[in-house]
Amino acid sequence: MIKKEILSAIASLVWFCSPALYAQYVVDTSVSINKIYGVNTVDQTYKVDGYLVTSWDEPDPTYRPASGERVYENHHADQLMNDGLWVPAFEFINIIGQRQTANRRVVISADGRVTYNERFQGLFTTTMDFRQFPFDYQTFVLMMEPFSYEQKQLVFGTARINIEALENQALSEWQMQGKPQARVSRSDYAHLQSGILSHFSRLTISIQALRKPDYYLWRFILPLSLILVASWAVFWIEGFSERLMTSFTMMLTVVAYTFYTSSLLPRLPYTTLIERMVIMGYVSIFAAIIVIVFVKIRDEKGRPVEYVIPRCRVIFPALFLIAMSVLIGVNGGL
């Protein structure tokens, strides 16, 4: 009988020292976003300022108040955790560097409910799709997992995402689209134990936004369009050398424009909408040069070419408008 009591006491002690090893904790999570800012399309990063709130039922009655609730902030909360209160360590999977915690709080209620709250800032990254740049949608993602506890020990319960500040609905370059989403899933890792998969609960927060294209329309697309329109002036210029020189000048202008716009985005394995417009500029000017040389050769051979140049004055603008419609309209840019 005494032996059983000793074993029971040891089991209870082990439970209190490491409770998550013997039970699955269900952690309810809420993330409130104050601001998404500093979006860097080249590095595909963005900064997030927000609040993280997690809560769970703690079976250990050691720290429960007799009634009501107790609130511990900052170093008092740290001291409480150092004294033995179990608070799970969460990490953001897609963060770069360390997350900064401005303030933190632990609230313990008489019924054993523990709530941990912190304000955090961090630099996050996710893969962005720039195919329709600058008319693109992007999804800002925060992925969070427990650092040590597998899914059999800790799992995310209810998950909520809120946008606190009104200015988040209309960021300087982005417009929020739809409601943010919070999704709980499972992630598997093989590097923690040799030959054995470890399963962790993962919370993924997704916030979709539409880029405001006004800046790029006036600073990039409009100038490029004007360069293309100016390149068609060769069909109103008399003289072969003048036409050829004008076309080559326009070609060099587009080349310089390409270098100017190359700093907007990272090196990508696909072409973006604005890059396809630049390519269209190359093709248009090169086609004009071919037409000019063709007319010159036909004229030297005494063959009639009077109809070619007047028709090009209509054909080139028409093809340009059709190509723009395909690039922006059909591809979902607008």
C-alpha atoms as a PDB file:
ATOM      1  CA  MET A   1       0.000   0.000   0.000  1.00  0.00           C
ATOM      2  CA  ILE A   2       2.797   2.387   0.938  1.00  0.00           C
ATOM      3  CA  LYS A   3       4.633   1.480  -2.257  1.00  0.00           C
ATOM      4  CA  LYS A   4       1.570   2.393  -4.344  1.00  0.00           C
ATOM      5  CA  GLU A   5       1.253   5.748  -2.565  1.00  0.00           C
ATOM      6  CA  ILE A   6       4.937   6.502  -3.247  1.00  0.00           C
ATOM      7  CA  LEU A   7       4.564   5.612  -6.921  1.00  0.00           C
ATOM      8  CA  SER A   8       1.433   7.744  -7.133  1.00  0.00           C
ATOM      9  CA  ALA A   9       3.247  10.698  -5.570  1.00  0.00           C
ATOM     10  CA  ILE A  10       6.150  10.299  -8.005  1.00  0.00           C
ATOM     11  CA  ALA A  11       3.741  10.150 -10.945  1.00  0.00           C
ATOM     12  CA  SER A  12       2.027  13.331  -9.739  1.00  0.00           C
ATOM     13  CA  LEU A  13       5.369  15.074  -9.369  1.00  0.00           C
ATOM     14  CA  VAL A  14       6.379  14.104 -12.898  1.00  0.00           C
ATOM     15  CA  TRP A  15       2.999  15.329 -14.155  1.00  0.00           C
ATOM     16  CA  PHE A  16       3.491  18.748 -12.606  1.00  0.00           C
ATOM     17  CA  CYS A  17       7.074  19.047 -13.825  1.00  0.00           C
ATOM     18  CA  SER A  18       6.320  18.083 -17.402  1.00  0.00           C
ATOM     19  CA  PRO A  19       2.554  17.946 -17.985  1.00  0.00           C
ATOM     20  CA  ALA A  20       2.662  18.185 -21.774  1.00  0.00           C
ATOM     21  CA  LEU A  21       4.406  14.851 -22.006  1.00  0.00           C
ATOM     22  CA  TYR A  22       1.321  13.056 -20.718  1.00  0.00           C
ATOM     23  CA  ALA A  23      -1.629  15.002 -22.129  1.00  0.00           C
ATOM     24  CA  GLN A  24      -2.569  16.791 -25.282  1.00  0.00           C
ATOM     25  CA  TYR A  25      -3.031  20.489 -24.706  1.00  0.00           C
ATOM     26  CA  VAL A  26      -5.588  22.255 -26.885  1.00  0.00           C
ATOM     27  CA  VAL A  27      -4.410  25.827 -27.344  1.00  0.00           C
ATOM     28  CA  ASP A  28      -6.876  28.405 -28.633  1.00  0.00           C
ATOM     29  CA  THR A  29      -5.126  31.154 -30.574  1.00  0.00           C
ATOM     30  CA  SER A  30      -5.987  34.658 -31.685  1.00  0.00           C
ATOM     31  CA  VAL A  31      -3.756  36.950 -33.760  1.00  0.00           C
ATOM     32  CA  SER A  32      -4.601  40.623 -34.179  1.00  0.00           C
ATOM     33  CA  ILE A  33      -2.696  42.522 -36.856  1.00  0.00           C
ATOM     34  CA  ASN A  34      -2.007  46.183 -36.129  1.00  0.00           C
ATOM     35  CA  LYS A  35      -0.031  46.878 -39.275  1.00  0.00           C
ATOM     36  CA  ILE A  36       1.585  45.255 -42.284  1.00  0.00           C
ATOM     37  CA  TYR A  37       4.271  47.529 -43.650  1.00  0.00           C
ATOM     38  CA  GLY A  38       7.705  47.658 -45.269  1.00  0.00           C
ATOM     39  CA  VAL A  39       6.716  45.330 -48.132  1.00  0.00           C
ATOM     40  CA  ASN A  40       9.888  44.605 -50.123  1.00  0.00           C
ATOM     41  CA  THR A  41       9.098  42.967 -53.461  1.00  0.00           C
ATOM     42  CA  VAL A  42      12.769  42.344 -54.277  1.00  0.00           C
ATOM     43  CA  ASP A  43      13.434  40.395 -51.065  1.00  0.00           C
ATOM     44  CA  GLN A  44       9.811  39.161 -50.869  1.00  0.00           C
ATOM     45  CA  THR A  45       9.548  40.264 -47.247  1.00  0.00           C
ATOM     46  CA  TYR A  46       7.143  42.328 -45.147  1.00  0.00           C
ATOM     47  CA  LYS A  47       6.987  43.563 -41.567  1.00  0.00           C
ATOM     48  CA  VAL A  48       4.133  42.712 -39.216  1.00  0.00           C
ATOM     49  CA  ASP A  49       3.141  44.365 -35.958  1.00  0.00           C
ATOM     50  CA  GLY A  50       0.455  42.577 -33.959  1.00  0.00           C
ATOM     51  CA  TYR A  51      -0.798  40.799 -30.857  1.00  0.00           C
ATOM     52  CA  LEU A  52      -0.618  37.079 -30.151  1.00  0.00           C
ATOM     53  CA  VAL A  53      -3.091  35.616 -27.632  1.00  0.00           C
ATOM     54  CA  THR A  54      -3.025  31.940 -26.656  1.00  0.00           C
ATOM     55  CA  SER A  55      -5.083  30.213 -23.968  1.00  0.00           C
ATOM     56  CA  TRP A  56      -5.388  26.687 -22.577  1.00  0.00           C
ATOM     57  CA  ASP A  57      -6.588  24.740 -19.530  1.00  0.00           C
ATOM     58  CA  GLU A  58      -3.848  24.029 -17.016  1.00  0.00           C
ATOM     59  CA  PRO A  59      -4.546  20.974 -14.752  1.00  0.00           C
ATOM     60  CA  ASP A  60      -1.846  21.998 -12.268  1.00  0.00           C
ATOM     61  CA  PRO A  61      -3.665  23.954  -9.506  1.00  0.00           C
ATOM     62  CA  THR A  62      -0.444  25.403  -8.063  1.00  0.00           C
ATOM     63  CA  TYR A  63      -0.787  28.883  -9.543  1.00  0.00           C
ATOM     64  CA  ARG A  64      -4.572  29.239  -9.531  1.00  0.00           C
ATOM     65  CA  PRO A  65      -6.078  32.091  -7.522  1.00  0.00           C
ATOM     66  CA  ALA A  66      -8.827  31.298  -5.026  1.00  0.00           C
ATOM     67  CA  SER A  67     -11.226  33.451  -7.032  1.00  0.00           C
ATOM     68  CA  GLY A  68     -11.200  35.815  -9.971  1.00  0.00           C
ATOM     69  CA  GLU A  69      -7.945  35.993 -11.898  1.00  0.00           C
ATOM     70  CA  ARG A  70      -4.330  37.046 -11.519  1.00  0.00           C
ATOM     71  CA  VAL A  71      -2.497  39.177 -14.044  1.00  0.00           C
ATOM     72  CA  TYR A  72       1.287  39.129 -14.488  1.00  0.00           C
ATOM     73  CA  GLU A  73       3.037  41.482 -16.923  1.00  0.00           C
ATOM     74  CA  ASN A  74       6.523  41.553 -18.459  1.00  0.00           C
ATOM     75  CA  HIS A  75       9.225  40.648 -15.897  1.00  0.00           C
ATOM     76  CA  HIS A  76       6.590  39.402 -13.432  1.00  0.00           C
ATOM     77  CA  ALA A  77       5.336  37.058 -16.130  1.00  0.00           C
ATOM     78  CA  ASP A  78       8.915  35.963 -16.822  1.00  0.00           C
ATOM     79  CA  GLN A  79       9.481  35.311 -13.136  1.00  0.00           C
ATOM     80  CA  LEU A  80       6.285  33.271 -12.965  1.00  0.00           C
ATOM     81  CA  MET A  81       7.399  31.112 -15.900  1.00  0.00           C
ATOM     82  CA  ASN A  82      10.864  30.730 -14.374  1.00  0.00           C
ATOM     83  CA  ASP A  83       9.201  29.509 -11.177  1.00  0.00           C
ATOM     84  CA  GLY A  84       7.549  26.680 -13.101  1.00  0.00           C
ATOM     85  CA  LEU A  85       4.343  27.844 -14.783  1.00  0.00           C
ATOM     86  CA  TRP A  86       4.101  26.021 -18.093  1.00  0.00           C
ATOM     87  CA  VAL A  87       3.734  28.330 -21.092  1.00  0.00           C
ATOM     88  CA  PRO A  88       4.300  26.751 -24.514  1.00  0.00           C
ATOM     89  CA  ALA A  89       6.970  28.302 -26.720  1.00  0.00           C
ATOM     90  CA  PHE A  90       5.656  29.136 -30.187  1.00  0.00           C
ATOM     91  CA  GLU A  91       7.734  30.120 -33.193  1.00  0.00           C
ATOM     92  CA  PHE A  92       6.867  31.722 -36.508  1.00  0.00           C
ATOM     93  CA  ILE A  93       8.177  29.432 -39.223  1.00  0.00           C
ATOM     94  CA  ASN A  94       8.456  32.071 -41.956  1.00  0.00           C
ATOM     95  CA  ILE A  95      10.057  34.819 -39.872  1.00  0.00           C
ATOM     96  CA  ILE A  96      13.506  36.197 -40.709  1.00  0.00           C
ATOM     97  CA  GLY A  97      15.620  36.732 -37.624  1.00  0.00           C
ATOM     98  CA  GLN A  98      14.056  36.968 -34.180  1.00  0.00           C
ATOM     99  CA  ARG A  99      10.609  38.268 -33.370  1.00  0.00           C
ATOM    100  CA  GLN A 100      10.653  41.241 -31.068  1.00  0.00           C
ATOM    101  CA  THR A 101       8.313  41.220 -28.097  1.00  0.00           C
ATOM    102  CA  ALA A 102       7.437  44.650 -26.763  1.00  0.00           C
ATOM    103  CA  ASN A 103       5.132  43.557 -23.918  1.00  0.00           C
ATOM    104  CA  ARG A 104       3.744  40.263 -22.606  1.00  0.00           C
ATOM    105  CA  ARG A 105       1.159  39.209 -20.070  1.00  0.00           C
ATOM    106  CA  VAL A 106      -0.017  36.031 -18.336  1.00  0.00           C
ATOM    107  CA  VAL A 107      -3.534  35.813 -16.912  1.00  0.00           C
ATOM    108  CA  ILE A 108      -4.523  32.872 -14.680  1.00  0.00           C
ATOM    109  CA  SER A 109      -8.157  32.366 -13.722  1.00  0.00           C
ATOM    110  CA  ALA A 110      -9.581  30.408 -10.826  1.00  0.00           C
ATOM    111  CA  ASP A 111     -10.922  27.682 -13.129  1.00  0.00           C
ATOM    112  CA  GLY A 112      -7.403  26.906 -14.416  1.00  0.00           C
ATOM    113  CA  ARG A 113      -7.596  28.813 -17.684  1.00  0.00           C
ATOM    114  CA  VAL A 114      -4.247  30.370 -18.609  1.00  0.00           C
ATOM    115  CA  THR A 115      -4.017  33.144 -21.200  1.00  0.00           C
ATOM    116  CA  TYR A 116      -0.721  34.345 -22.615  1.00  0.00           C
ATOM    117  CA  ASN A 117      -0.673  37.634 -24.535  1.00  0.00           C
ATOM    118  CA  GLU A 118       2.223  39.403 -26.249  1.00  0.00           C
ATOM    119  CA  ARG A 119       2.752  42.222 -28.709  1.00  0.00           C
ATOM    120  CA  PHE A 120       5.229  41.247 -31.399  1.00  0.00           C
ATOM    121  CA  GLN A 121       7.012  42.675 -34.407  1.00  0.00           C
ATOM    122  CA  GLY A 122       8.878  40.682 -37.033  1.00  0.00           C
ATOM    123  CA  LEU A 123      10.126  40.510 -40.594  1.00  0.00           C
ATOM    124  CA  PHE A 124       8.308  37.757 -42.488  1.00  0.00           C
ATOM    125  CA  THR A 125       8.738  36.195 -45.904  1.00  0.00           C
ATOM    126  CA  THR A 126       6.653  34.162 -48.316  1.00  0.00           C
ATOM    127  CA  THR A 127       6.803  33.225 -51.984  1.00  0.00           C
ATOM    128  CA  MET A 128       5.148  35.929 -54.079  1.00  0.00           C
ATOM    129  CA  ASP A 129       3.684  35.617 -57.576  1.00  0.00           C
ATOM    130  CA  PHE A 130       4.571  38.582 -59.792  1.00  0.00           C
ATOM    131  CA  ARG A 131       3.209  37.307 -63.106  1.00  0.00           C
ATOM    132  CA  GLN A 132       0.607  40.100 -63.248  1.00  0.00           C
ATOM    133  CA  PHE A 133       2.826  42.788 -61.705  1.00  0.00           C
ATOM    134  CA  PRO A 134       1.847  45.605 -61.187  1.00  0.00           C
ATOM    135  CA  PHE A 135      -1.771  44.353 -61.158  1.00  0.00           C
ATOM    136  CA  ASP A 136      -0.970  41.427 -58.873  1.00  0.00           C
ATOM    137  CA  TYR A 137      -2.545  39.915 -55.799  1.00  0.00           C
ATOM    138  CA  GLN A 138      -0.291  38.827 -52.954  1.00  0.00           C
ATOM    139  CA  THR A 139      -0.962  36.788 -49.826  1.00  0.00           C
ATOM    140  CA  PHE A 140       0.809  37.820 -46.639  1.00  0.00           C
ATOM    141  CA  VAL A 141       1.303  34.687 -44.544  1.00  0.00           C
ATOM    142  CA  LEU A 142       2.201  34.010 -40.906  1.00  0.00           C
ATOM    143  CA  MET A 143       2.921  30.366 -40.026  1.00  0.00           C
ATOM    144  CA  MET A 144       3.208  29.409 -36.370  1.00  0.00           C
ATOM    145  CA  GLU A 145       4.108  26.108 -34.681  1.00  0.00           C
ATOM    146  CA  PRO A 146       4.990  24.976 -31.160  1.00  0.00           C
ATOM    147  CA  PHE A 147       8.741  24.764 -30.793  1.00  0.00           C
ATOM    148  CA  SER A 148       9.019  21.544 -28.757  1.00  0.00           C
ATOM    149  CA  TYR A 149       5.665  19.792 -28.452  1.00  0.00           C
ATOM    150  CA  GLU A 150       4.435  17.401 -31.114  1.00  0.00           C
ATOM    151  CA  GLN A 151       0.807  17.110 -32.163  1.00  0.00           C
ATOM    152  CA  LYS A 152       0.130  14.308 -29.688  1.00  0.00           C
ATOM    153  CA  GLN A 153       1.147  16.727 -26.921  1.00  0.00           C
ATOM    154  CA  LEU A 154      -0.148  20.080 -28.193  1.00  0.00           C
ATOM    155  CA  VAL A 155      -2.609  21.012 -30.898  1.00  0.00           C
ATOM    156  CA  PHE A 156      -4.133  24.306 -31.998  1.00  0.00           C
ATOM    157  CA  GLY A 157      -7.825  24.577 -31.197  1.00  0.00           C
ATOM    158  CA  THR A 158      -9.930  27.514 -32.318  1.00  0.00           C
ATOM    159  CA  ALA A 159      -7.982  30.082 -34.324  1.00  0.00           C
ATOM    160  CA  ARG A 160      -8.978  33.655 -35.119  1.00  0.00           C
ATOM    161  CA  ILE A 161      -7.379  36.499 -37.042  1.00  0.00           C
ATOM    162  CA  ASN A 162      -8.388  40.141 -36.650  1.00  0.00           C
ATOM    163  CA  ILE A 163      -7.301  43.336 -38.379  1.00  0.00           C
ATOM    164  CA  GLU A 164      -7.169  45.930 -35.635  1.00  0.00           C
ATOM    165  CA  ALA A 165      -6.347  49.245 -37.283  1.00  0.00           C
ATOM    166  CA  LEU A 166      -8.518  50.747 -40.006  1.00  0.00           C
ATOM    167  CA  GLU A 167      -5.480  51.878 -41.957  1.00  0.00           C
ATOM    168  CA  ASN A 168      -4.672  48.231 -42.630  1.00  0.00           C
ATOM    169  CA  GLN A 169      -7.652  48.141 -44.956  1.00  0.00           C
ATOM    170  CA  ALA A 170      -5.862  50.611 -47.234  1.00  0.00           C
ATOM    171  CA  LEU A 171      -2.095  50.306 -46.972  1.00  0.00           C
ATOM    172  CA  SER A 172       0.093  52.743 -48.859  1.00  0.00           C
ATOM    173  CA  GLU A 173       0.518  50.361 -51.796  1.00  0.00           C
ATOM    174  CA  TRP A 174      -1.973  47.596 -51.041  1.00  0.00           C
ATOM    175  CA  GLN A 175      -5.713  47.141 -50.646  1.00  0.00           C
ATOM    176  CA  MET A 176      -6.963  44.343 -48.399  1.00  0.00           C
ATOM    177  CA  GLN A 177      -9.155  41.804 -50.201  1.00  0.00           C
ATOM    178  CA  GLY A 178     -11.789  39.683 -48.467  1.00  0.00           C
ATOM    179  CA  LYS A 179     -11.503  38.345 -44.931  1.00  0.00           C
ATOM    180  CA  PRO A 180      -8.206  37.084 -43.505  1.00  0.00           C
ATOM    181  CA  GLN A 181      -8.080  33.327 -42.982  1.00  0.00           C
ATOM    182  CA  ALA A 182      -6.741  31.201 -40.115  1.00  0.00           C
ATOM    183  CA  ARG A 183      -6.198  27.518 -40.853  1.00  0.00           C
ATOM    184  CA  VAL A 184      -4.908  24.687 -38.632  1.00  0.00           C
ATOM    185  CA  SER A 185      -2.986  21.885 -40.326  1.00  0.00           C
ATOM    186  CA  ARG A 186      -0.204  19.371 -39.660  1.00  0.00           C
ATOM    187  CA  SER A 187       3.451  19.599 -40.629  1.00  0.00           C
ATOM    188  CA  ASP A 188       5.839  16.640 -40.661  1.00  0.00           C
ATOM    189  CA  TYR A 189       9.563  16.706 -39.941  1.00  0.00           C
ATOM    190  CA  ALA A 190      12.086  13.891 -40.373  1.00  0.00           C
ATOM    191  CA  HIS A 191      15.231  15.639 -39.129  1.00  0.00           C
ATOM    192  CA  LEU A 192      14.265  15.632 -35.435  1.00  0.00           C
ATOM    193  CA  GLN A 193      14.443  11.841 -35.048  1.00  0.00           C
ATOM    194  CA  SER A 194      16.392   9.662 -37.427  1.00  0.00           C
ATOM    195  CA  GLY A 195      14.013   7.703 -39.632  1.00  0.00           C
ATOM    196  CA  ILE A 196      10.925   8.772 -37.649  1.00  0.00           C
ATOM    197  CA  LEU A 197       8.470  11.462 -38.714  1.00  0.00           C
ATOM    198  CA  SER A 198       7.528  14.021 -36.090  1.00  0.00           C
ATOM    199  CA  HIS A 199       4.083  15.619 -36.457  1.00  0.00           C
ATOM    200  CA  PHE A 200       3.476  19.207 -35.339  1.00  0.00           C
ATOM    201  CA  SER A 201       0.319  21.280 -35.321  1.00  0.00           C
ATOM    202  CA  ARG A 202       0.613  24.385 -37.516  1.00  0.00           C
ATOM    203  CA  LEU A 203      -1.432  27.569 -37.609  1.00  0.00           C
ATOM    204  CA  THR A 204      -1.382  29.418 -40.936  1.00  0.00           C
ATOM    205  CA  ILE A 205      -2.727  32.960 -41.184  1.00  0.00           C
ATOM    206  CA  SER A 206      -3.359  34.338 -44.685  1.00  0.00           C
ATOM    207  CA  ILE A 207      -4.138  37.949 -45.568  1.00  0.00           C
ATOM    208  CA  GLN A 208      -4.775  38.689 -49.242  1.00  0.00           C
ATOM    209  CA  ALA A 209      -4.142  42.125 -50.707  1.00  0.00           C
ATOM    210  CA  LEU A 210      -4.305  43.752 -54.127  1.00  0.00           C
ATOM    211  CA  ARG A 211      -1.471  46.020 -55.222  1.00  0.00           C
ATOM    212  CA  LYS A 212      -2.496  49.571 -56.080  1.00  0.00           C
ATOM    213  CA  PRO A 213      -1.060  50.080 -59.596  1.00  0.00           C
ATOM    214  CA  ASP A 214      -1.312  53.889 -59.775  1.00  0.00           C
ATOM    215  CA  TYR A 215       2.381  54.522 -59.086  1.00  0.00           C
ATOM    216  CA  TYR A 216       3.501  52.029 -61.704  1.00  0.00           C
ATOM    217  CA  LEU A 217       0.947  53.241 -64.254  1.00  0.00           C
ATOM    218  CA  TRP A 218       2.314  56.786 -64.168  1.00  0.00           C
ATOM    219  CA  ARG A 219       6.005  56.028 -63.599  1.00  0.00           C
ATOM    220  CA  PHE A 220       6.532  52.960 -65.804  1.00  0.00           C
ATOM    221  CA  ILE A 221       3.659  51.852 -68.012  1.00  0.00           C
ATOM    222  CA  LEU A 222       2.759  55.308 -69.333  1.00  0.00           C
ATOM    223  CA  PRO A 223       6.381  56.252 -70.252  1.00  0.00           C
ATOM    224  CA  LEU A 224       6.883  52.882 -71.939  1.00  0.00           C
ATOM    225  CA  SER A 225       3.671  53.328 -73.911  1.00  0.00           C
ATOM    226  CA  LEU A 226       4.799  56.789 -75.017  1.00  0.00           C
ATOM    227  CA  ILE A 227       8.143  55.360 -76.142  1.00  0.00           C
ATOM    228  CA  LEU A 228       6.324  52.813 -78.284  1.00  0.00           C
ATOM    229  CA  VAL A 229       4.011  55.440 -79.751  1.00  0.00           C
ATOM    230  CA  ALA A 230       7.015  57.684 -80.507  1.00  0.00           C
ATOM    231  CA  SER A 231       8.727  54.788 -82.295  1.00  0.00           C
ATOM    232  CA  TRP A 232       5.903  54.766 -84.865  1.00  0.00           C
ATOM    233  CA  ALA A 233       6.879  58.271 -85.956  1.00  0.00           C
ATOM    234  CA  VAL A 234       9.258  56.601 -88.409  1.00  0.00           C
ATOM    235  CA  PHE A 235       6.237  55.924 -90.637  1.00  0.00           C
ATOM    236  CA  TRP A 236       5.729  59.686 -91.040  1.00  0.00           C
ATOM    237  CA  ILE A 237       9.419  60.530 -91.510  1.00  0.00           C
ATOM    238  CA  GLU A 238      10.821  60.782 -95.013  1.00  0.00           C
ATOM    239  CA  GLY A 239      14.260  59.351 -95.760  1.00  0.00           C
ATOM    240  CA  PHE A 240      15.724  55.941 -95.085  1.00  0.00           C
ATOM    241  CA  SER A 241      18.606  57.076 -92.858  1.00  0.00           C
ATOM    242  CA  GLU A 242      16.353  59.307 -90.722  1.00  0.00           C
ATOM    243  CA  ARG A 243      13.885  56.474 -90.223  1.00  0.00           C
ATOM    244  CA  LEU A 244      16.590  53.974 -89.333  1.00  0.00           C
ATOM    245  CA  MET A 245      18.341  56.338 -86.925  1.00  0.00           C
ATOM    246  CA  THR A 246      15.064  57.133 -85.165  1.00  0.00           C
ATOM    247  CA  SER A 247      14.234  53.440 -84.737  1.00  0.00           C
ATOM    248  CA  PHE A 248      17.650  52.604 -83.301  1.00  0.00           C
ATOM    249  CA  THR A 249      17.347  55.561 -80.908  1.00  0.00           C
ATOM    250  CA  MET A 250      14.000  54.230 -79.678  1.00  0.00           C
ATOM    251  CA  MET A 251      15.503  50.754 -79.288  1.00  0.00           C
ATOM    252  CA  LEU A 252      18.288  52.129 -77.084  1.00  0.00           C
ATOM    253  CA  THR A 253      15.681  54.015 -75.056  1.00  0.00           C
ATOM    254  CA  VAL A 254      13.798  50.781 -74.352  1.00  0.00           C
ATOM    255  CA  VAL A 255      17.076  49.100 -73.375  1.00  0.00           C
ATOM    256  CA  ALA A 256      17.751  51.903 -70.881  1.00  0.00           C
ATOM    257  CA  TYR A 257      14.174  51.576 -69.631  1.00  0.00           C
ATOM    258  CA  THR A 258      14.750  47.849 -69.055  1.00  0.00           C
ATOM    259  CA  PHE A 259      17.699  48.569 -66.776  1.00  0.00           C
ATOM    260  CA  TYR A 260      15.588  51.138 -64.944  1.00  0.00           C
ATOM    261  CA  THR A 261      12.761  48.692 -64.237  1.00  0.00           C
ATOM    262  CA  SER A 262      14.959  45.676 -63.439  1.00  0.00           C
ATOM    263  CA  SER A 263      15.411  46.877 -59.846  1.00  0.00           C
ATOM    264  CA  LEU A 264      11.677  46.594 -59.108  1.00  0.00           C
ATOM    265  CA  LEU A 265      11.558  42.805 -58.770  1.00  0.00           C
ATOM    266  CA  PRO A 266      13.824  39.865 -57.883  1.00  0.00           C
ATOM    267  CA  ARG A 267      15.229  37.580 -60.550  1.00  0.00           C
ATOM    268  CA  LEU A 268      12.312  35.388 -61.519  1.00  0.00           C
ATOM    269  CA  PRO A 269      12.004  32.192 -63.601  1.00  0.00           C
ATOM    270  CA  TYR A 270       9.046  33.713 -65.456  1.00  0.00           C
ATOM    271  CA  THR A 271       8.164  37.017 -67.113  1.00  0.00           C
ATOM    272  CA  THR A 272       5.909  39.566 -65.471  1.00  0.00           C
ATOM    273  CA  LEU A 273       3.291  41.686 -67.210  1.00  0.00           C
ATOM    274  CA  ILE A 274       5.525  44.750 -67.253  1.00  0.00           C
ATOM    275  CA  GLU A 275       8.395  42.673 -68.658  1.00  0.00           C
ATOM    276  CA  ARG A 276       6.128  41.377 -71.397  1.00  0.00           C
ATOM    277  CA  MET A 277       5.307  44.978 -72.241  1.00  0.00           C
ATOM    278  CA  VAL A 278       9.028  45.714 -72.580  1.00  0.00           C
ATOM    279  CA  ILE A 279       9.414  42.673 -74.819  1.00  0.00           C
ATOM    280  CA  MET A 280       6.497  43.959 -76.873  1.00  0.00           C
ATOM    281  CA  GLY A 281       8.382  47.235 -77.239  1.00  0.00           C
ATOM    282  CA  TYR A 282      11.451  45.424 -78.542  1.00  0.00           C
ATOM    283  CA  VAL A 283       9.352  43.474 -81.026  1.00  0.00           C
ATOM    284  CA  SER A 284       7.491  46.575 -82.217  1.00  0.00           C
ATOM    285  CA  ILE A 285      10.629  48.611 -82.836  1.00  0.00           C
ATOM    286  CA  PHE A 286      12.438  45.682 -84.458  1.00  0.00           C
ATOM    287  CA  ALA A 287       9.431  45.086 -86.722  1.00  0.00           C
ATOM    288  CA  ALA A 288       9.509  48.759 -87.717  1.00  0.00           C
ATOM    289  CA  ILE A 289      13.187  48.426 -88.636  1.00  0.00           C
ATOM    290  CA  ILE A 290      12.412  45.355 -90.761  1.00  0.00           C
ATOM    291  CA  VAL A 291       9.635  47.258 -92.547  1.00  0.00           C
ATOM    292  CA  ILE A 292      11.939  50.232 -93.208  1.00  0.00           C
ATOM    293  CA  VAL A 293      14.682  48.001 -94.659  1.00  0.00           C
ATOM    294  CA  PHE A 294      12.117  46.048 -96.689  1.00  0.00           C
ATOM    295  CA  VAL A 295      10.717  49.255 -98.192  1.00  0.00           C
ATOM    296  CA  LYS A 296      14.230  50.491 -99.010  1.00  0.00           C
ATOM    297  CA  ILE A 297      15.185  47.253-100.783  1.00  0.00           C
ATOM    298  CA  ARG A 298      11.905  47.144-102.723  1.00  0.00           C
ATOM    299  CA  ASP A 299      12.295  50.757-103.729  1.00  0.00           C
ATOM    300  CA  GLU A 300      15.854  50.218-105.009  1.00  0.00           C
ATOM    301  CA  LYS A 301      14.588  47.348-107.141  1.00  0.00           C
ATOM    302  CA  GLY A 302      11.921  49.577-108.640  1.00  0.00           C
ATOM    303  CA  ARG A 303       9.014  47.664-107.171  1.00  0.00           C
ATOM    304  CA  PRO A 304       5.913  49.480-105.837  1.00  0.00           C
ATOM    305  CA  VAL A 305       6.052  50.098-102.058  1.00  0.00           C
ATOM    306  CA  GLU A 306       3.890  53.210-101.655  1.00  0.00           C
ATOM    307  CA  TYR A 307       1.145  51.251 -99.898  1.00  0.00           C
ATOM    308  CA  VAL A 308       3.379  49.703 -97.181  1.00  0.00           C
ATOM    309  CA  ILE A 309       4.196  52.738 -95.009  1.00  0.00           C
ATOM    310  CA  PRO A 310       0.631  54.187 -94.914  1.00  0.00           C
ATOM    311  CA  ARG A 311      -0.755  50.810 -93.876  1.00  0.00           C
ATOM    312  CA  CYS A 312       1.852  50.469 -91.099  1.00  0.00           C
ATOM    313  CA  ARG A 313       0.550  53.736 -89.622  1.00  0.00           C
ATOM    314  CA  VAL A 314      -2.668  51.861 -88.836  1.00  0.00           C
ATOM    315  CA  ILE A 315      -1.419  48.296 -88.353  1.00  0.00           C
ATOM    316  CA  PHE A 316       1.181  49.041 -85.624  1.00  0.00           C
ATOM    317  CA  PRO A 317      -1.177  51.019 -83.300  1.00  0.00           C
ATOM    318  CA  ALA A 318      -3.921  48.425 -83.818  1.00  0.00           C
ATOM    319  CA  LEU A 319      -1.613  45.552 -82.934  1.00  0.00           C
ATOM    320  CA  PHE A 320      -0.389  47.500 -79.906  1.00  0.00           C
ATOM    321  CA  LEU A 321      -3.936  47.977 -78.593  1.00  0.00           C
ATOM    322  CA  ILE A 322      -4.759  44.312 -79.151  1.00  0.00           C
ATOM    323  CA  ALA A 323      -1.586  43.211 -77.357  1.00  0.00           C
ATOM    324  CA  MET A 324      -2.304  45.547 -74.420  1.00  0.00           C
ATOM    325  CA  SER A 325      -5.832  44.143 -74.157  1.00  0.00           C
ATOM    326  CA  VAL A 326      -4.463  40.606 -74.042  1.00  0.00           C
ATOM    327  CA  LEU A 327      -1.736  41.449 -71.508  1.00  0.00           C
ATOM    328  CA  ILE A 328      -3.913  43.401 -69.070  1.00  0.00           C
ATOM    329  CA  GLY A 329      -7.518  42.385 -69.706  1.00  0.00           C
ATOM    330  CA  VAL A 330      -7.448  38.694 -70.639  1.00  0.00           C
ATOM    331  CA  ASN A 331      -4.680  37.861 -68.139  1.00  0.00           C
ATOM    332  CA  GLY A 332      -6.724  39.295 -65.299  1.00  0.00           C
ATOM    333  CA  GLY A 333      -4.674  42.393 -64.664  1.00  0.00           C
ATOM    334  CA  LEU A 334      -7.701  44.633 -64.338  1.00  0.00           C
END
